[in-house]
Amino acid sequence: MASRSETILITGVNGFTGRHLRRALQTAGHRVVGLVRTRSSEADEFPADLGQPAALQAALAAIRPDCIVHLAAISFVPHGDPAELYQTNLFGTLNLLEATLAAGLQPRKILLASSATVYGNPSVEVIAETVCPAPVNHYAMSKLAMEHLARTYGDRLPLLITRPFNYTGPGQDPRFLLPKIVSHYRDRRPVIELGNLDVIRDFSDVRFVTEAYVRLLDSPVVGETVNLCSGQGTALRTLLEIMNRIAGYAIEVRTAPDLVRTSELHQLVGCNRKLFGLIGELPVYPVEAILEHLYRFPG
């Protein structure tokens, strides 16, 4: 377990999760350095595109991080360019791992963010890490391919793979489900267009996820794949009922055909028993509290 201040490199440091994680790690006393695609005036940010191996190797050699957290990815499931998904999510990870070795680094840990969407539509109600992945879209496939690729480096690099389920918080892109719903209520819009209201998801607060990352980094755990989830499922129509109460009015819901996907994941609820066994229990935020926080503090 880490007992001193460390230098932790985050790819995707200016993304939704990266911003929250940077603050959490700095609060814990660590030095956080971010890889960014374009030159920044910030002293703790290095320009290095994951698609440019030479620049990536030079940045890693200069930073010499104790730990690496790889968050940079295309994370929007219905992204319209499958080739770009694989180029970023799969080959970007390949370049990062190759550059780490080429720079002669031996970090204490490399944490790779995958996704719970790799599970697809399993027959079990609550998904443990032992469930065989069966992705049903290109985003999920790119993440599972990334996991398999990364494991071929497991004999040379200390890897830890996480599979986050749905989570949200202030500052998340409004294209994502919960920010989209909450922003409609905040703006007092009379109508919202959504897909299947009967899908069930496991929702967490970004504060839960960042605390899990901080504890996983501080722990001795490597060579594992672990879910990040609340263990509780909520239907989309239930979210709308909660928001009706929070905002004080009932929004009209219309079904948008383009949002009803043939590859829809009907239920995605995770088991957090392994996570809590590795790092201790974390406070799980109720869905009502998550929605209320997002409604009051959009970020």
C-alpha atoms as a PDB file:
ATOM      1  CA  MET A   1       0.000   0.000   0.000  1.00  0.00           C
ATOM      2  CA  ALA A   2       1.251   3.486  -0.882  1.00  0.00           C
ATOM      3  CA  SER A   3       2.364   5.363   2.230  1.00  0.00           C
ATOM      4  CA  ARG A   4       3.926   8.396   0.570  1.00  0.00           C
ATOM      5  CA  SER A   5       3.109  11.064  -1.945  1.00  0.00           C
ATOM      6  CA  GLU A   6       3.422   9.650  -5.460  1.00  0.00           C
ATOM      7  CA  THR A   7       3.434  11.019  -8.988  1.00  0.00           C
ATOM      8  CA  ILE A   8       0.317   9.744 -10.702  1.00  0.00           C
ATOM      9  CA  LEU A   9      -0.172  10.177 -14.441  1.00  0.00           C
ATOM     10  CA  ILE A  10      -3.737  10.442 -15.738  1.00  0.00           C
ATOM     11  CA  THR A  11      -4.632  10.165 -19.410  1.00  0.00           C
ATOM     12  CA  GLY A  12      -7.896  11.962 -20.109  1.00  0.00           C
ATOM     13  CA  VAL A  13      -7.202  14.253 -17.152  1.00  0.00           C
ATOM     14  CA  ASN A  14      -9.510  16.978 -18.477  1.00  0.00           C
ATOM     15  CA  GLY A  15     -12.399  14.627 -19.146  1.00  0.00           C
ATOM     16  CA  PHE A  16     -15.357  14.166 -16.812  1.00  0.00           C
ATOM     17  CA  THR A  17     -13.814  11.475 -14.608  1.00  0.00           C
ATOM     18  CA  GLY A  18     -10.292  12.855 -14.948  1.00  0.00           C
ATOM     19  CA  ARG A  19     -11.206  16.237 -13.472  1.00  0.00           C
ATOM     20  CA  HIS A  20     -12.862  14.652 -10.450  1.00  0.00           C
ATOM     21  CA  LEU A  21     -10.071  12.115  -9.953  1.00  0.00           C
ATOM     22  CA  ARG A  22      -7.349  14.764 -10.213  1.00  0.00           C
ATOM     23  CA  ARG A  23      -8.926  16.690  -7.316  1.00  0.00           C
ATOM     24  CA  ALA A  24      -9.387  13.541  -5.224  1.00  0.00           C
ATOM     25  CA  LEU A  25      -5.774  12.423  -5.681  1.00  0.00           C
ATOM     26  CA  GLN A  26      -4.409  15.889  -4.976  1.00  0.00           C
ATOM     27  CA  THR A  27      -6.501  16.016  -1.811  1.00  0.00           C
ATOM     28  CA  ALA A  28      -4.932  12.675  -0.843  1.00  0.00           C
ATOM     29  CA  GLY A  29      -1.488  14.303  -1.153  1.00  0.00           C
ATOM     30  CA  HIS A  30      -0.345  12.994  -4.531  1.00  0.00           C
ATOM     31  CA  ARG A  31       1.229  14.894  -7.423  1.00  0.00           C
ATOM     32  CA  VAL A  32      -1.017  14.508 -10.454  1.00  0.00           C
ATOM     33  CA  VAL A  33       0.275  14.951 -13.987  1.00  0.00           C
ATOM     34  CA  GLY A  34      -2.030  14.858 -16.994  1.00  0.00           C
ATOM     35  CA  LEU A  35      -1.450  13.882 -20.587  1.00  0.00           C
ATOM     36  CA  VAL A  36      -3.304  16.265 -22.909  1.00  0.00           C
ATOM     37  CA  ARG A  37      -3.647  16.270 -26.686  1.00  0.00           C
ATOM     38  CA  THR A  38      -2.681  19.922 -27.179  1.00  0.00           C
ATOM     39  CA  ARG A  39      -0.062  22.069 -25.459  1.00  0.00           C
ATOM     40  CA  SER A  40      -1.269  23.547 -22.186  1.00  0.00           C
ATOM     41  CA  SER A  41      -0.104  26.408 -20.006  1.00  0.00           C
ATOM     42  CA  GLU A  42      -0.559  24.205 -16.945  1.00  0.00           C
ATOM     43  CA  ALA A  43       2.749  23.071 -15.421  1.00  0.00           C
ATOM     44  CA  ASP A  44       1.355  19.639 -14.572  1.00  0.00           C
ATOM     45  CA  GLU A  45       0.090  18.841 -18.087  1.00  0.00           C
ATOM     46  CA  PHE A  46       2.185  17.281 -20.865  1.00  0.00           C
ATOM     47  CA  PRO A  47       1.137  17.357 -24.542  1.00  0.00           C
ATOM     48  CA  ALA A  48       1.149  13.811 -25.912  1.00  0.00           C
ATOM     49  CA  ASP A  49      -1.444  12.238 -28.192  1.00  0.00           C
ATOM     50  CA  LEU A  50      -2.070   8.530 -27.642  1.00  0.00           C
ATOM     51  CA  GLY A  51      -1.875   8.139 -31.403  1.00  0.00           C
ATOM     52  CA  GLN A  52       1.722   9.422 -31.504  1.00  0.00           C
ATOM     53  CA  PRO A  53       4.000   6.765 -29.932  1.00  0.00           C
ATOM     54  CA  ALA A  54       7.243   8.800 -30.049  1.00  0.00           C
ATOM     55  CA  ALA A  55       5.729  11.819 -28.270  1.00  0.00           C
ATOM     56  CA  LEU A  56       4.055   9.489 -25.788  1.00  0.00           C
ATOM     57  CA  GLN A  57       7.338   7.760 -24.958  1.00  0.00           C
ATOM     58  CA  ALA A  58       9.108  11.104 -24.511  1.00  0.00           C
ATOM     59  CA  ALA A  59       6.408  12.372 -22.154  1.00  0.00           C
ATOM     60  CA  LEU A  60       6.481   9.202 -20.044  1.00  0.00           C
ATOM     61  CA  ALA A  61      10.280   9.304 -19.835  1.00  0.00           C
ATOM     62  CA  ALA A  62      10.108  12.907 -18.627  1.00  0.00           C
ATOM     63  CA  ILE A  63       7.316  12.348 -16.085  1.00  0.00           C
ATOM     64  CA  ARG A  64       8.436   8.932 -14.745  1.00  0.00           C
ATOM     65  CA  PRO A  65       5.159   8.307 -12.901  1.00  0.00           C
ATOM     66  CA  ASP A  66       4.775   5.957  -9.947  1.00  0.00           C
ATOM     67  CA  CYS A  67       1.299   5.010 -11.178  1.00  0.00           C
ATOM     68  CA  ILE A  68      -0.664   5.482 -14.400  1.00  0.00           C
ATOM     69  CA  VAL A  69      -4.453   5.839 -14.658  1.00  0.00           C
ATOM     70  CA  HIS A  70      -5.657   5.386 -18.228  1.00  0.00           C
ATOM     71  CA  LEU A  71      -9.014   7.126 -18.630  1.00  0.00           C
ATOM     72  CA  ALA A  72      -8.630   8.607 -22.126  1.00  0.00           C
ATOM     73  CA  ALA A  73     -11.219   6.994 -24.397  1.00  0.00           C
ATOM     74  CA  ILE A  74     -14.285   7.565 -26.489  1.00  0.00           C
ATOM     75  CA  SER A  75     -16.914   6.781 -23.859  1.00  0.00           C
ATOM     76  CA  PHE A  76     -20.137   7.664 -25.704  1.00  0.00           C
ATOM     77  CA  VAL A  77     -21.680   4.302 -26.644  1.00  0.00           C
ATOM     78  CA  PRO A  78     -23.518   5.412 -29.833  1.00  0.00           C
ATOM     79  CA  HIS A  79     -20.389   7.075 -31.254  1.00  0.00           C
ATOM     80  CA  GLY A  80     -20.879   7.144 -35.014  1.00  0.00           C
ATOM     81  CA  ASP A  81     -17.414   6.062 -36.180  1.00  0.00           C
ATOM     82  CA  PRO A  82     -16.535   2.444 -35.256  1.00  0.00           C
ATOM     83  CA  ALA A  83     -12.997   2.741 -36.645  1.00  0.00           C
ATOM     84  CA  GLU A  84     -12.324   5.745 -34.424  1.00  0.00           C
ATOM     85  CA  LEU A  85     -13.606   3.807 -31.410  1.00  0.00           C
ATOM     86  CA  TYR A  86     -11.061   1.047 -31.966  1.00  0.00           C
ATOM     87  CA  GLN A  87      -8.270   3.468 -32.870  1.00  0.00           C
ATOM     88  CA  THR A  88      -8.721   5.361 -29.604  1.00  0.00           C
ATOM     89  CA  ASN A  89      -9.887   2.733 -27.134  1.00  0.00           C
ATOM     90  CA  LEU A  90      -7.807  -0.204 -28.351  1.00  0.00           C
ATOM     91  CA  PHE A  91      -4.742   1.115 -30.164  1.00  0.00           C
ATOM     92  CA  GLY A  92      -4.402   4.134 -27.854  1.00  0.00           C
ATOM     93  CA  THR A  93      -3.985   1.673 -24.988  1.00  0.00           C
ATOM     94  CA  LEU A  94      -1.514  -0.393 -27.005  1.00  0.00           C
ATOM     95  CA  ASN A  95       0.581   2.722 -27.636  1.00  0.00           C
ATOM     96  CA  LEU A  96       0.499   3.680 -23.952  1.00  0.00           C
ATOM     97  CA  LEU A  97       1.679   0.265 -22.764  1.00  0.00           C
ATOM     98  CA  GLU A  98       4.355   0.033 -25.454  1.00  0.00           C
ATOM     99  CA  ALA A  99       5.587   3.542 -24.623  1.00  0.00           C
ATOM    100  CA  THR A 100       5.785   2.657 -20.928  1.00  0.00           C
ATOM    101  CA  LEU A 101       8.076  -0.257 -21.695  1.00  0.00           C
ATOM    102  CA  ALA A 102      10.085   1.676 -24.302  1.00  0.00           C
ATOM    103  CA  ALA A 103      10.717   4.440 -21.771  1.00  0.00           C
ATOM    104  CA  GLY A 104      12.187   1.857 -19.383  1.00  0.00           C
ATOM    105  CA  LEU A 105       9.555   2.480 -16.723  1.00  0.00           C
ATOM    106  CA  GLN A 106       8.385   0.091 -14.025  1.00  0.00           C
ATOM    107  CA  PRO A 107       5.385   1.880 -12.465  1.00  0.00           C
ATOM    108  CA  ARG A 108       3.918   0.459  -9.282  1.00  0.00           C
ATOM    109  CA  LYS A 109       0.507   0.155 -10.947  1.00  0.00           C
ATOM    110  CA  ILE A 110      -1.300   0.868 -14.218  1.00  0.00           C
ATOM    111  CA  LEU A 111      -5.064   1.205 -13.797  1.00  0.00           C
ATOM    112  CA  LEU A 112      -7.043   0.755 -17.022  1.00  0.00           C
ATOM    113  CA  ALA A 113     -10.678   1.867 -17.217  1.00  0.00           C
ATOM    114  CA  SER A 114     -12.802  -0.579 -19.197  1.00  0.00           C
ATOM    115  CA  SER A 115     -16.618  -0.686 -19.049  1.00  0.00           C
ATOM    116  CA  ALA A 116     -19.446  -2.833 -17.707  1.00  0.00           C
ATOM    117  CA  THR A 117     -20.954  -2.811 -21.194  1.00  0.00           C
ATOM    118  CA  VAL A 118     -18.550  -5.659 -22.034  1.00  0.00           C
ATOM    119  CA  TYR A 119     -20.998  -8.012 -20.251  1.00  0.00           C
ATOM    120  CA  GLY A 120     -23.735  -7.475 -22.842  1.00  0.00           C
ATOM    121  CA  ASN A 121     -27.070  -9.067 -21.882  1.00  0.00           C
ATOM    122  CA  PRO A 122     -26.237 -11.939 -19.521  1.00  0.00           C
ATOM    123  CA  SER A 123     -28.955 -14.206 -18.128  1.00  0.00           C
ATOM    124  CA  VAL A 124     -28.135 -13.328 -14.491  1.00  0.00           C
ATOM    125  CA  GLU A 125     -29.747 -10.404 -12.695  1.00  0.00           C
ATOM    126  CA  VAL A 126     -26.627  -9.247 -10.835  1.00  0.00           C
ATOM    127  CA  ILE A 127     -23.337  -9.414 -12.721  1.00  0.00           C
ATOM    128  CA  ALA A 128     -20.138 -10.540 -11.018  1.00  0.00           C
ATOM    129  CA  GLU A 129     -16.707 -10.437 -12.628  1.00  0.00           C
ATOM    130  CA  THR A 130     -16.945 -14.179 -13.319  1.00  0.00           C
ATOM    131  CA  VAL A 131     -19.724 -13.624 -15.889  1.00  0.00           C
ATOM    132  CA  CYS A 132     -18.400 -14.215 -19.408  1.00  0.00           C
ATOM    133  CA  PRO A 133     -18.388 -10.964 -21.429  1.00  0.00           C
ATOM    134  CA  ALA A 134     -20.568 -10.852 -24.557  1.00  0.00           C
ATOM    135  CA  PRO A 135     -20.470  -7.309 -26.002  1.00  0.00           C
ATOM    136  CA  VAL A 136     -23.283  -6.252 -28.345  1.00  0.00           C
ATOM    137  CA  ASN A 137     -21.923  -2.984 -29.793  1.00  0.00           C
ATOM    138  CA  HIS A 138     -18.662  -1.547 -31.074  1.00  0.00           C
ATOM    139  CA  TYR A 139     -18.016   0.513 -27.951  1.00  0.00           C
ATOM    140  CA  ALA A 140     -18.226  -2.534 -25.693  1.00  0.00           C
ATOM    141  CA  MET A 141     -16.213  -4.608 -28.143  1.00  0.00           C
ATOM    142  CA  SER A 142     -13.456  -1.980 -28.229  1.00  0.00           C
ATOM    143  CA  LYS A 143     -13.253  -2.097 -24.439  1.00  0.00           C
ATOM    144  CA  LEU A 144     -13.168  -5.898 -24.258  1.00  0.00           C
ATOM    145  CA  ALA A 145     -10.522  -6.003 -26.975  1.00  0.00           C
ATOM    146  CA  MET A 146      -8.541  -3.473 -24.907  1.00  0.00           C
ATOM    147  CA  GLU A 147      -8.759  -5.786 -21.874  1.00  0.00           C
ATOM    148  CA  HIS A 148      -7.504  -8.800 -23.823  1.00  0.00           C
ATOM    149  CA  LEU A 149      -4.693  -6.782 -25.378  1.00  0.00           C
ATOM    150  CA  ALA A 150      -3.653  -5.402 -21.984  1.00  0.00           C
ATOM    151  CA  ARG A 151      -3.474  -8.855 -20.417  1.00  0.00           C
ATOM    152  CA  THR A 152      -0.722  -9.836 -22.838  1.00  0.00           C
ATOM    153  CA  TYR A 153       1.419  -7.267 -20.968  1.00  0.00           C
ATOM    154  CA  GLY A 154       0.541  -8.687 -17.549  1.00  0.00           C
ATOM    155  CA  ASP A 155       3.886 -10.459 -17.209  1.00  0.00           C
ATOM    156  CA  ARG A 156       5.763  -7.183 -17.696  1.00  0.00           C
ATOM    157  CA  LEU A 157       3.504  -4.500 -16.234  1.00  0.00           C
ATOM    158  CA  PRO A 158       1.388  -4.385 -13.028  1.00  0.00           C
ATOM    159  CA  LEU A 159      -2.104  -3.945 -14.503  1.00  0.00           C
ATOM    160  CA  LEU A 160      -5.467  -3.446 -12.808  1.00  0.00           C
ATOM    161  CA  ILE A 161      -8.628  -3.326 -14.935  1.00  0.00           C
ATOM    162  CA  THR A 162     -11.857  -1.701 -13.758  1.00  0.00           C
ATOM    163  CA  ARG A 163     -15.318  -2.128 -15.242  1.00  0.00           C
ATOM    164  CA  PRO A 164     -17.401   0.883 -14.200  1.00  0.00           C
ATOM    165  CA  PHE A 165     -21.165   0.669 -14.510  1.00  0.00           C
ATOM    166  CA  ASN A 166     -23.183   3.846 -15.167  1.00  0.00           C
ATOM    167  CA  TYR A 167     -22.148   6.843 -13.080  1.00  0.00           C
ATOM    168  CA  THR A 168     -22.681  10.577 -13.185  1.00  0.00           C
ATOM    169  CA  GLY A 169     -21.980  13.859 -11.451  1.00  0.00           C
ATOM    170  CA  PRO A 170     -21.476  17.581 -12.057  1.00  0.00           C
ATOM    171  CA  GLY A 171     -19.808  18.359 -15.367  1.00  0.00           C
ATOM    172  CA  GLN A 172     -20.769  15.217 -17.286  1.00  0.00           C
ATOM    173  CA  ASP A 173     -21.525  15.673 -20.984  1.00  0.00           C
ATOM    174  CA  PRO A 174     -25.283  16.323 -21.438  1.00  0.00           C
ATOM    175  CA  ARG A 175     -25.388  13.656 -24.180  1.00  0.00           C
ATOM    176  CA  PHE A 176     -25.282  11.045 -21.420  1.00  0.00           C
ATOM    177  CA  LEU A 177     -28.564   9.805 -19.989  1.00  0.00           C
ATOM    178  CA  LEU A 178     -28.761  11.306 -16.485  1.00  0.00           C
ATOM    179  CA  PRO A 179     -27.362  14.760 -17.357  1.00  0.00           C
ATOM    180  CA  LYS A 180     -29.758  14.879 -20.312  1.00  0.00           C
ATOM    181  CA  ILE A 181     -32.763  14.049 -18.129  1.00  0.00           C
ATOM    182  CA  VAL A 182     -31.797  16.395 -15.304  1.00  0.00           C
ATOM    183  CA  SER A 183     -31.012  19.319 -17.645  1.00  0.00           C
ATOM    184  CA  HIS A 184     -34.479  19.021 -19.192  1.00  0.00           C
ATOM    185  CA  TYR A 185     -36.061  19.364 -15.750  1.00  0.00           C
ATOM    186  CA  ARG A 186     -33.705  22.164 -14.705  1.00  0.00           C
ATOM    187  CA  ASP A 187     -34.663  24.107 -17.844  1.00  0.00           C
ATOM    188  CA  ARG A 188     -38.364  23.390 -17.189  1.00  0.00           C
ATOM    189  CA  ARG A 189     -38.792  21.845 -20.615  1.00  0.00           C
ATOM    190  CA  PRO A 190     -42.260  20.350 -21.180  1.00  0.00           C
ATOM    191  CA  VAL A 191     -41.123  17.361 -23.299  1.00  0.00           C
ATOM    192  CA  ILE A 192     -38.217  14.930 -23.355  1.00  0.00           C
ATOM    193  CA  GLU A 193     -37.408  12.321 -26.002  1.00  0.00           C
ATOM    194  CA  LEU A 194     -36.048   9.003 -24.745  1.00  0.00           C
ATOM    195  CA  GLY A 195     -35.742   5.375 -25.819  1.00  0.00           C
ATOM    196  CA  ASN A 196     -36.899   2.301 -23.920  1.00  0.00           C
ATOM    197  CA  LEU A 197     -38.179   3.327 -20.466  1.00  0.00           C
ATOM    198  CA  ASP A 198     -37.972  -0.213 -19.110  1.00  0.00           C
ATOM    199  CA  VAL A 199     -34.187  -0.589 -19.247  1.00  0.00           C
ATOM    200  CA  ILE A 200     -32.583  -1.083 -15.826  1.00  0.00           C
ATOM    201  CA  ARG A 201     -29.194   0.349 -14.910  1.00  0.00           C
ATOM    202  CA  ASP A 202     -26.840   0.421 -11.942  1.00  0.00           C
ATOM    203  CA  PHE A 203     -26.162   4.112 -11.201  1.00  0.00           C
ATOM    204  CA  SER A 204     -23.322   5.460  -9.057  1.00  0.00           C
ATOM    205  CA  ASP A 205     -22.098   8.923  -8.147  1.00  0.00           C
ATOM    206  CA  VAL A 206     -18.749  10.016  -9.580  1.00  0.00           C
ATOM    207  CA  ARG A 207     -17.626  10.571  -5.966  1.00  0.00           C
ATOM    208  CA  PHE A 208     -18.070   6.828  -5.370  1.00  0.00           C
ATOM    209  CA  VAL A 209     -16.024   6.008  -8.469  1.00  0.00           C
ATOM    210  CA  THR A 210     -13.179   8.413  -7.692  1.00  0.00           C
ATOM    211  CA  GLU A 211     -12.929   7.162  -4.109  1.00  0.00           C
ATOM    212  CA  ALA A 212     -12.745   3.614  -5.463  1.00  0.00           C
ATOM    213  CA  TYR A 213      -9.925   4.651  -7.802  1.00  0.00           C
ATOM    214  CA  VAL A 214      -8.012   6.364  -4.991  1.00  0.00           C
ATOM    215  CA  ARG A 215      -8.280   3.298  -2.759  1.00  0.00           C
ATOM    216  CA  LEU A 216      -7.385   0.901  -5.578  1.00  0.00           C
ATOM    217  CA  LEU A 217      -4.288   2.958  -6.363  1.00  0.00           C
ATOM    218  CA  ASP A 218      -3.259   3.026  -2.702  1.00  0.00           C
ATOM    219  CA  SER A 219      -3.820  -0.738  -2.362  1.00  0.00           C
ATOM    220  CA  PRO A 220      -1.372  -3.519  -3.328  1.00  0.00           C
ATOM    221  CA  VAL A 221      -3.966  -4.984  -5.726  1.00  0.00           C
ATOM    222  CA  VAL A 222      -2.766  -5.795  -9.267  1.00  0.00           C
ATOM    223  CA  GLY A 223      -3.645  -8.449 -11.829  1.00  0.00           C
ATOM    224  CA  GLU A 224      -7.365  -8.180 -11.136  1.00  0.00           C
ATOM    225  CA  THR A 225     -10.498  -7.126 -13.020  1.00  0.00           C
ATOM    226  CA  VAL A 226     -13.073  -5.465 -10.793  1.00  0.00           C
ATOM    227  CA  ASN A 227     -16.564  -3.983 -11.123  1.00  0.00           C
ATOM    228  CA  LEU A 228     -17.277  -0.435  -9.945  1.00  0.00           C
ATOM    229  CA  CYS A 229     -20.986  -0.382  -9.144  1.00  0.00           C
ATOM    230  CA  SER A 230     -23.646   0.254  -6.515  1.00  0.00           C
ATOM    231  CA  GLY A 231     -25.228  -3.196  -6.751  1.00  0.00           C
ATOM    232  CA  GLN A 232     -28.679  -1.621  -7.145  1.00  0.00           C
ATOM    233  CA  GLY A 233     -30.756  -1.448 -10.327  1.00  0.00           C
ATOM    234  CA  THR A 234     -33.165   1.344 -11.266  1.00  0.00           C
ATOM    235  CA  ALA A 235     -35.511   1.462 -14.264  1.00  0.00           C
ATOM    236  CA  LEU A 236     -35.470   4.550 -16.465  1.00  0.00           C
ATOM    237  CA  ARG A 237     -39.153   5.213 -15.805  1.00  0.00           C
ATOM    238  CA  THR A 238     -38.399   5.225 -12.051  1.00  0.00           C
ATOM    239  CA  LEU A 239     -35.748   7.922 -12.622  1.00  0.00           C
ATOM    240  CA  LEU A 240     -38.389  10.063 -14.295  1.00  0.00           C
ATOM    241  CA  GLU A 241     -40.791   9.594 -11.383  1.00  0.00           C
ATOM    242  CA  ILE A 242     -38.050  10.717  -8.965  1.00  0.00           C
ATOM    243  CA  MET A 243     -37.250  13.768 -11.101  1.00  0.00           C
ATOM    244  CA  ASN A 244     -40.941  14.684 -11.246  1.00  0.00           C
ATOM    245  CA  ARG A 245     -40.853  14.939  -7.444  1.00  0.00           C
ATOM    246  CA  ILE A 246     -37.545  16.819  -7.301  1.00  0.00           C
ATOM    247  CA  ALA A 247     -38.505  19.382  -9.954  1.00  0.00           C
ATOM    248  CA  GLY A 248     -42.147  19.648  -8.931  1.00  0.00           C
ATOM    249  CA  TYR A 249     -43.721  18.899 -12.313  1.00  0.00           C
ATOM    250  CA  ALA A 250     -44.359  15.960 -14.627  1.00  0.00           C
ATOM    251  CA  ILE A 251     -42.516  16.067 -17.925  1.00  0.00           C
ATOM    252  CA  GLU A 252     -44.066  14.588 -21.069  1.00  0.00           C
ATOM    253  CA  VAL A 253     -42.042  11.647 -22.362  1.00  0.00           C
ATOM    254  CA  ARG A 254     -41.976  10.843 -26.062  1.00  0.00           C
ATOM    255  CA  THR A 255     -40.328   7.785 -27.568  1.00  0.00           C
ATOM    256  CA  ALA A 256     -37.696   8.664 -30.160  1.00  0.00           C
ATOM    257  CA  PRO A 257     -37.288   5.768 -32.633  1.00  0.00           C
ATOM    258  CA  ASP A 258     -33.597   6.552 -33.158  1.00  0.00           C
ATOM    259  CA  LEU A 259     -33.019   6.105 -29.406  1.00  0.00           C
ATOM    260  CA  VAL A 260     -34.542   2.604 -29.343  1.00  0.00           C
ATOM    261  CA  ARG A 261     -31.539   0.444 -30.194  1.00  0.00           C
ATOM    262  CA  THR A 262     -31.719  -3.131 -31.441  1.00  0.00           C
ATOM    263  CA  SER A 263     -28.582  -3.875 -29.405  1.00  0.00           C
ATOM    264  CA  GLU A 264     -29.992  -2.359 -26.207  1.00  0.00           C
ATOM    265  CA  LEU A 265     -28.722  -3.731 -22.900  1.00  0.00           C
ATOM    266  CA  HIS A 266     -31.963  -4.499 -21.054  1.00  0.00           C
ATOM    267  CA  GLN A 267     -30.534  -4.832 -17.549  1.00  0.00           C
ATOM    268  CA  LEU A 268     -27.046  -3.954 -16.350  1.00  0.00           C
ATOM    269  CA  VAL A 269     -26.644  -4.313 -12.580  1.00  0.00           C
ATOM    270  CA  GLY A 270     -23.321  -5.191 -11.000  1.00  0.00           C
ATOM    271  CA  CYS A 271     -22.062  -7.057  -7.966  1.00  0.00           C
ATOM    272  CA  ASN A 272     -19.642  -5.005  -5.830  1.00  0.00           C
ATOM    273  CA  ARG A 273     -18.633  -7.800  -3.458  1.00  0.00           C
ATOM    274  CA  LYS A 274     -15.185  -8.182  -5.004  1.00  0.00           C
ATOM    275  CA  LEU A 275     -14.515  -4.422  -4.976  1.00  0.00           C
ATOM    276  CA  PHE A 276     -15.421  -4.087  -1.302  1.00  0.00           C
ATOM    277  CA  GLY A 277     -13.402  -7.181  -0.468  1.00  0.00           C
ATOM    278  CA  LEU A 278     -10.308  -5.577  -2.023  1.00  0.00           C
ATOM    279  CA  ILE A 279     -10.555  -2.015  -0.652  1.00  0.00           C
ATOM    280  CA  GLY A 280     -13.240  -2.044   2.056  1.00  0.00           C
ATOM    281  CA  GLU A 281     -16.814  -0.837   1.795  1.00  0.00           C
ATOM    282  CA  LEU A 282     -17.615   2.515   0.225  1.00  0.00           C
ATOM    283  CA  PRO A 283     -20.681   4.674   0.834  1.00  0.00           C
ATOM    284  CA  VAL A 284     -23.224   3.962  -1.915  1.00  0.00           C
ATOM    285  CA  TYR A 285     -25.205   7.052  -2.935  1.00  0.00           C
ATOM    286  CA  PRO A 286     -28.961   6.423  -3.413  1.00  0.00           C
ATOM    287  CA  VAL A 287     -30.295   7.301  -6.865  1.00  0.00           C
ATOM    288  CA  GLU A 288     -32.480  10.041  -5.356  1.00  0.00           C
ATOM    289  CA  ALA A 289     -29.395  11.702  -3.823  1.00  0.00           C
ATOM    290  CA  ILE A 290     -27.460  11.420  -7.098  1.00  0.00           C
ATOM    291  CA  LEU A 291     -30.269  13.077  -9.070  1.00  0.00           C
ATOM    292  CA  GLU A 292     -30.806  15.778  -6.439  1.00  0.00           C
ATOM    293  CA  HIS A 293     -27.082  16.614  -6.420  1.00  0.00           C
ATOM    294  CA  LEU A 294     -26.938  16.779 -10.211  1.00  0.00           C
ATOM    295  CA  TYR A 295     -30.084  18.950 -10.292  1.00  0.00           C
ATOM    296  CA  ARG A 296     -28.722  21.437  -7.752  1.00  0.00           C
ATOM    297  CA  PHE A 297     -25.083  21.416  -8.865  1.00  0.00           C
ATOM    298  CA  PRO A 298     -24.818  20.868 -12.640  1.00  0.00           C
ATOM    299  CA  GLY A 299     -21.098  21.783 -12.667  1.00  0.00           C
END
